[in-house]
Protein backbone atom coordinates (compact mmCIF):
# COMPACT_ATOMS: atom_id res chain seq x y z
CA UNK A 1 -32.08 -2.59 -108.13
CA UNK A 2 -31.99 -2.27 -112.07
CA UNK A 3 -31.99 -5.87 -112.07
CA UNK A 4 -35.26 -6.07 -110.08
CA UNK A 5 -36.81 -3.71 -112.73
CA UNK A 6 -35.85 -5.71 -115.20
CA UNK A 7 -36.68 -8.96 -114.07
CA UNK A 8 -39.82 -7.11 -112.83
CA UNK A 9 -40.53 -5.72 -116.78
CA UNK A 10 -39.63 -8.91 -118.27
CA UNK A 11 -42.24 -10.43 -116.14
CA UNK A 12 -45.10 -7.93 -116.60
CA UNK A 13 -44.59 -8.94 -120.70
CA UNK A 14 -44.60 -12.60 -120.28
CA UNK A 15 -47.98 -12.19 -118.11
CA UNK A 16 -49.63 -10.91 -121.09
CA UNK A 17 -48.54 -13.44 -123.18
CA UNK A 18 -50.70 -15.77 -121.20
CA UNK A 19 -53.97 -15.82 -122.20
CA UNK A 20 -55.89 -17.27 -118.97
CA UNK A 21 -53.49 -15.10 -116.93
CA UNK A 22 -54.95 -11.97 -118.53
CA UNK A 23 -58.22 -12.92 -118.27
CA UNK A 24 -57.86 -13.94 -114.46
CA UNK A 25 -55.71 -10.37 -113.97
CA UNK A 26 -58.02 -8.00 -115.78
CA UNK A 27 -60.97 -9.18 -117.98
CA UNK A 28 -62.65 -11.11 -114.65
CA UNK A 29 -61.72 -8.22 -112.14
CA UNK A 30 -63.74 -5.77 -114.57
CA UNK A 31 -66.92 -8.13 -115.07
CA UNK A 32 -66.86 -8.18 -110.95
CA UNK A 33 -66.55 -4.40 -111.30
CA UNK A 34 -69.67 -4.23 -113.30
CA UNK A 35 -72.16 -7.19 -111.47
CA UNK A 36 -70.94 -5.55 -107.89
CA UNK A 37 -71.96 -1.77 -108.29
CA UNK A 38 -75.00 -2.88 -110.60
CA UNK A 39 -76.22 -4.97 -108.01
CA UNK A 40 -75.12 -3.78 -104.55
CA UNK A 41 -74.75 -0.16 -105.37
CA UNK A 42 -77.65 0.05 -107.75
CA UNK A 43 -75.66 2.84 -109.65
CA UNK A 44 -76.01 5.01 -106.82
CA UNK A 45 -72.93 7.68 -106.95
CA UNK A 46 -72.36 8.25 -103.04
CA UNK A 47 -73.18 4.23 -102.65
CA UNK A 48 -70.78 3.94 -105.33
CA UNK A 49 -68.15 5.97 -103.66
CA UNK A 50 -68.51 4.03 -100.38
CA UNK A 51 -68.04 0.77 -101.54
CA UNK A 52 -65.06 1.58 -103.71
CA UNK A 53 -62.64 0.58 -101.09
CA UNK A 54 -64.10 -2.83 -100.61
CA UNK A 55 -64.32 -3.92 -104.16
CA UNK A 56 -60.34 -2.75 -104.49
CA UNK A 57 -59.35 -4.54 -101.40
CA UNK A 58 -61.51 -7.95 -102.49
CA UNK A 59 -59.54 -7.58 -105.90
CA UNK A 60 -56.15 -6.93 -103.92
CA UNK A 61 -56.43 -10.36 -101.40
CA UNK A 62 -57.59 -12.29 -104.08
CA UNK A 63 -54.76 -11.66 -106.56
CA UNK A 64 -51.91 -10.76 -104.08
CA UNK A 65 -52.39 -14.56 -101.84
CA UNK A 66 -53.36 -16.33 -105.21
CA UNK A 67 -51.64 -14.47 -108.00
CA UNK A 68 -48.04 -14.13 -105.70
CA UNK A 69 -48.26 -16.88 -103.13
CA UNK A 70 -49.41 -19.74 -105.56
CA UNK A 71 -46.95 -18.54 -108.25
CA UNK A 72 -44.19 -18.51 -106.69
CA UNK A 73 -44.71 -22.02 -104.80
CA UNK A 74 -45.72 -23.59 -108.39
CA UNK A 75 -42.46 -21.99 -109.95
CA UNK A 76 -40.35 -23.70 -107.31
CA UNK A 77 -42.32 -27.44 -107.77
CA UNK A 78 -41.90 -27.40 -111.16
CA UNK A 79 -38.15 -26.46 -110.70
CA UNK A 80 -38.62 -23.30 -113.11
CA UNK A 81 -36.69 -21.50 -109.80
CA UNK A 82 -33.60 -23.30 -110.29
CA UNK A 83 -33.27 -22.34 -113.64
CA UNK A 84 -32.93 -18.62 -112.16
CA UNK A 85 -30.49 -20.06 -109.38
CA UNK A 86 -27.82 -20.40 -111.81
CA UNK A 87 -27.61 -16.76 -112.56
CA UNK A 88 -25.89 -14.69 -110.34
CA UNK A 89 -29.52 -13.84 -108.34
CA UNK A 90 -30.03 -13.11 -104.58
CA UNK A 91 -32.95 -14.25 -103.25
CA UNK A 92 -34.05 -10.70 -102.23
CA UNK A 93 -33.79 -9.84 -106.31
CA UNK A 94 -36.33 -12.62 -106.93
CA UNK A 95 -38.31 -11.80 -104.43
CA UNK A 96 -38.40 -8.22 -104.93
CA UNK A 97 -38.94 -8.60 -108.60
CA UNK A 98 -41.89 -11.26 -108.34
CA UNK A 99 -43.63 -8.95 -105.95
CA UNK A 100 -43.42 -5.55 -108.12
CA UNK A 101 -43.82 -7.32 -111.56
CA UNK A 102 -47.33 -8.36 -109.81
CA UNK A 103 -47.77 -4.42 -108.20
CA UNK A 104 -47.47 -3.26 -111.69
CA UNK A 105 -50.06 -5.75 -113.60
CA UNK A 106 -52.72 -4.94 -111.10
CA UNK A 107 -52.25 -1.41 -110.45
CA UNK A 108 -53.39 -0.05 -113.95
CA UNK A 109 -56.80 -2.55 -113.26
CA UNK A 110 -57.18 0.09 -110.05
CA UNK A 111 -56.98 3.15 -111.93
CA UNK A 112 -59.35 2.18 -114.95
CA UNK A 113 -62.07 0.97 -112.28
CA UNK A 114 -61.69 4.06 -110.52
CA UNK A 115 -62.29 6.39 -113.90
CA UNK A 116 -65.11 4.02 -114.98
CA UNK A 117 -66.59 4.73 -111.58
CA UNK A 118 -66.51 8.09 -112.12
CA UNK A 119 -67.65 8.21 -115.66
CA UNK A 120 -70.46 5.61 -115.87
CA UNK A 121 -71.85 5.67 -112.33
CA UNK A 122 -70.87 9.76 -111.43
CA UNK A 123 -68.89 8.72 -108.55
CA UNK A 124 -67.91 11.86 -106.77
CA UNK A 125 -63.69 12.56 -106.04
CA UNK A 126 -62.73 13.87 -102.49
CA UNK A 127 -59.88 14.43 -100.76
CA UNK A 128 -56.16 13.71 -102.07
CA UNK A 129 -55.83 11.26 -105.02
CA UNK A 130 -51.89 10.76 -103.93
CA UNK A 131 -52.87 9.73 -100.63
CA UNK A 132 -55.24 7.18 -102.04
CA UNK A 133 -52.66 6.26 -104.25
CA UNK A 134 -50.05 5.53 -101.80
CA UNK A 135 -52.66 3.54 -99.56
CA UNK A 136 -53.74 1.02 -102.38
CA UNK A 137 -50.49 0.95 -103.23
CA UNK A 138 -49.33 -0.10 -99.39
CA UNK A 139 -52.08 -2.55 -99.23
CA UNK A 140 -51.58 -4.13 -101.95
CA UNK A 141 -47.70 -4.57 -101.31
CA UNK A 142 -48.50 -5.57 -97.48
CA UNK A 143 -50.76 -8.41 -98.55
CA UNK A 144 -48.23 -9.69 -101.05
CA UNK A 145 -45.54 -9.20 -98.78
CA UNK A 146 -47.67 -11.78 -96.40
CA UNK A 147 -48.32 -14.49 -99.52
CA UNK A 148 -44.59 -14.28 -99.52
CA UNK A 149 -44.36 -15.35 -96.15
CA UNK A 150 -47.02 -18.14 -97.11
CA UNK A 151 -45.05 -19.55 -99.92
CA UNK A 152 -41.93 -19.88 -97.92
CA UNK A 153 -43.15 -21.93 -95.19
CA UNK A 154 -45.23 -24.50 -97.40
CA UNK A 155 -43.91 -27.48 -99.69
CA UNK A 156 -46.40 -28.04 -102.27
CA UNK A 157 -49.02 -26.26 -104.25
CA UNK A 158 -51.78 -27.81 -102.63
CA UNK A 159 -50.66 -26.65 -98.96
CA UNK A 160 -50.40 -23.02 -100.09
CA UNK A 161 -54.00 -23.41 -101.53
CA UNK A 162 -55.21 -24.57 -98.22
CA UNK A 163 -52.86 -21.82 -96.32
CA UNK A 164 -54.06 -18.84 -99.19
CA UNK A 165 -57.96 -20.16 -98.52
CA UNK A 166 -58.08 -20.12 -95.17
CA UNK A 167 -56.55 -16.47 -95.20
CA UNK A 168 -58.77 -15.39 -98.11
CA UNK A 169 -62.03 -15.80 -96.27
CA UNK A 170 -61.00 -14.35 -92.81
CA UNK A 171 -60.04 -11.17 -94.37
CA UNK A 172 -62.68 -11.21 -96.72
CA UNK A 173 -65.40 -11.75 -93.57
CA UNK A 174 -63.39 -9.43 -90.94
CA UNK A 175 -61.97 -6.70 -92.53
CA UNK A 176 -65.67 -4.88 -94.00
CA UNK A 177 -64.50 -5.96 -97.70
CA UNK A 178 -68.24 -7.79 -97.59
CA UNK A 179 -69.79 -6.29 -94.71
CA UNK A 180 -69.57 -2.71 -93.22
CA UNK A 181 -67.34 -2.18 -90.37
CA UNK A 182 -70.03 -0.44 -88.11
CA UNK A 183 -72.52 -3.51 -88.60
CA UNK A 184 -69.79 -5.84 -87.34
CA UNK A 185 -69.43 -6.70 -83.27
CA UNK A 186 -67.71 -4.54 -81.79
CA UNK A 187 -65.13 -7.32 -81.25
CA UNK A 188 -64.78 -7.79 -84.62
CA UNK A 189 -64.14 -4.04 -85.05
CA UNK A 190 -60.83 -4.23 -82.80
CA UNK A 191 -59.69 -7.56 -84.26
CA UNK A 192 -60.34 -6.21 -87.62
CA UNK A 193 -57.50 -3.54 -87.21
CA UNK A 194 -55.14 -6.04 -86.92
CA UNK A 195 -55.48 -6.99 -90.70
CA UNK A 196 -54.18 -4.93 -93.66
CA UNK A 197 -57.51 -4.71 -95.86
CA UNK A 198 -59.22 -3.00 -92.98
CA UNK A 199 -56.92 -0.09 -92.79
CA UNK A 200 -56.82 -0.17 -96.73
CA UNK A 201 -60.11 0.42 -96.55
CA UNK A 202 -60.34 2.72 -93.88
CA UNK A 203 -57.68 4.79 -95.37
CA UNK A 204 -59.37 4.86 -98.61
CA UNK A 205 -63.08 5.56 -97.21
CA UNK A 206 -61.51 8.86 -95.01
CA UNK A 207 -60.03 10.42 -98.40
CA UNK A 208 -63.34 9.40 -100.51
CA UNK A 209 -65.63 9.94 -98.14
CA UNK A 210 -64.26 12.53 -95.79
CA UNK A 211 -62.17 14.40 -98.17
CA UNK A 212 -59.05 13.28 -96.22
CA UNK A 213 -55.32 13.84 -97.01
CA UNK A 214 -51.90 12.68 -96.01
CA UNK A 215 -52.13 13.67 -92.53
CA UNK A 216 -55.45 12.49 -91.19
CA UNK A 217 -54.08 8.83 -92.70
CA UNK A 218 -50.79 8.88 -91.54
CA UNK A 219 -52.21 6.22 -88.86
CA UNK A 220 -52.75 3.55 -91.82
CA UNK A 221 -49.96 4.83 -94.01
CA UNK A 222 -47.23 3.95 -91.07
CA UNK A 223 -49.09 0.73 -90.24
CA UNK A 224 -49.40 -0.95 -93.77
CA UNK A 225 -45.79 0.37 -94.37
CA UNK A 226 -44.53 -1.17 -90.99
CA UNK A 227 -46.47 -4.64 -92.67
CA UNK A 228 -45.02 -4.26 -95.98
CA UNK A 229 -41.45 -3.86 -94.75
CA UNK A 230 -41.30 -6.49 -92.08
CA UNK A 231 -43.00 -9.15 -94.03
CA UNK A 232 -40.76 -8.69 -97.14
CA UNK A 233 -37.83 -9.02 -95.05
CA UNK A 234 -39.35 -12.21 -93.80
CA UNK A 235 -40.53 -13.45 -97.36
CA UNK A 236 -36.68 -13.06 -98.45
CA UNK A 237 -35.28 -15.05 -95.55
CA UNK A 238 -37.78 -17.99 -95.93
CA UNK A 239 -37.31 -18.21 -99.63
CA UNK A 240 -36.61 -21.54 -101.16
CA UNK A 241 -34.89 -22.64 -104.74
CA UNK A 242 -35.09 -26.07 -104.34
CA UNK A 243 -38.26 -27.84 -104.42
CA UNK A 244 -35.98 -30.50 -102.51
CA UNK A 245 -35.15 -28.16 -99.54
CA UNK A 246 -37.98 -28.71 -97.35
CA UNK A 247 -39.67 -26.11 -94.23
CA UNK A 248 -38.49 -26.70 -91.11
CA UNK A 249 -39.74 -25.86 -87.41
CA UNK A 250 -37.15 -23.02 -87.30
CA UNK A 251 -38.36 -21.82 -90.41
CA UNK A 252 -42.11 -22.35 -89.40
CA UNK A 253 -40.71 -20.07 -86.21
CA UNK A 254 -39.74 -17.35 -88.42
CA UNK A 255 -42.65 -17.04 -90.22
CA UNK A 256 -44.23 -16.49 -86.66
CA UNK A 257 -42.40 -13.00 -86.33
CA UNK A 258 -44.54 -12.00 -89.25
CA UNK A 259 -47.47 -11.33 -86.22
CA UNK A 260 -45.26 -8.96 -84.34
CA UNK A 261 -45.86 -5.86 -86.68
CA UNK A 262 -49.58 -6.86 -87.28
CA UNK A 263 -50.01 -7.35 -83.52
CA UNK A 264 -48.30 -3.98 -82.54
CA UNK A 265 -50.04 -2.21 -85.45
CA UNK A 266 -53.47 -3.28 -84.47
CA UNK A 267 -52.68 -2.76 -80.65
CA UNK A 268 -51.65 0.95 -81.40
CA UNK A 269 -54.76 1.88 -83.76
CA UNK A 270 -56.87 0.27 -81.12
CA UNK A 271 -55.65 2.29 -78.51
CA UNK A 272 -55.45 5.54 -80.60
CA UNK A 273 -58.14 8.00 -79.18
CA UNK A 274 -56.92 10.38 -82.51
CA UNK A 275 -57.48 7.26 -85.11
CA UNK A 276 -60.67 6.32 -83.64
CA UNK A 277 -61.94 9.93 -83.43
CA UNK A 278 -60.74 10.39 -87.31
CA UNK A 279 -62.83 7.21 -88.71
CA UNK A 280 -66.07 7.65 -86.81
CA UNK A 281 -66.98 9.69 -89.67
CA UNK A 282 -66.20 6.73 -92.23
CA UNK A 283 -68.04 4.15 -90.08
CA UNK A 284 -71.32 6.52 -90.42
CA UNK A 285 -70.93 7.21 -93.81
CA UNK A 286 -70.69 3.92 -94.87
CA UNK A 287 -73.01 2.43 -92.92
CA UNK A 288 -75.47 5.01 -94.42
CA UNK A 289 -74.23 4.23 -98.03
CA UNK A 290 -75.32 0.34 -97.49
CA UNK A 291 -78.98 1.08 -96.19
CA UNK A 292 -79.52 3.08 -99.66
């Protein structure tokens, strides 16, 4: 664990030395933050409160897929991972350190945006902030873990870009990130519960709009945790040091196992009366906020 923490911190320091990386990690999301709330929320405090979850979800999807998955494939394609392989490092250490470093780079952005929303747009704060932090953290880790699985089954950066683009737009339009869940067809609302961003949006909205805490959002937290643990394990199993080591049919079959926790969580939440009842308040409140 100590090795993972040291490597993660080293990756954080190296990232801030690259100007373009700092721009897309911090500057660009901050520009999008002001544009998003000025155009769509029009500075209305309650609307900002309702749109905060989808805004963070959009940033998480982009950062976790393109910032982590493509990053690992690029390092492998350029033989950068081969240098690490010469050291006494395991795939778990390498994967864990990259996921942790990207998380440490991303979460300060969430904190800054949250504080600016309160200060500039007078966004009201309800519910447990600790529960909100856990939900956003697990949402990022779950999507980052899915990105690790993608990195393990592709051979080139071009392949990684294609797969991540498909995932990006699918998650963007089917999870309530761009459109409120209540306005989507019923079939899409049920399908959305199979995807981590939806759980993050529902959980964060339950806290911010409904004043909820850990107990009311335990289904989302457990679901995101299950997806994170299983997909990180698959990411470690599929990790490759050398670009000459191509992916196999067996590896792709193993990657399909990542669908199992998504399916289990989705079926559980779709057939859970208590979960459906708790989140009806969010669906109504978010729809009203979008109509302002």
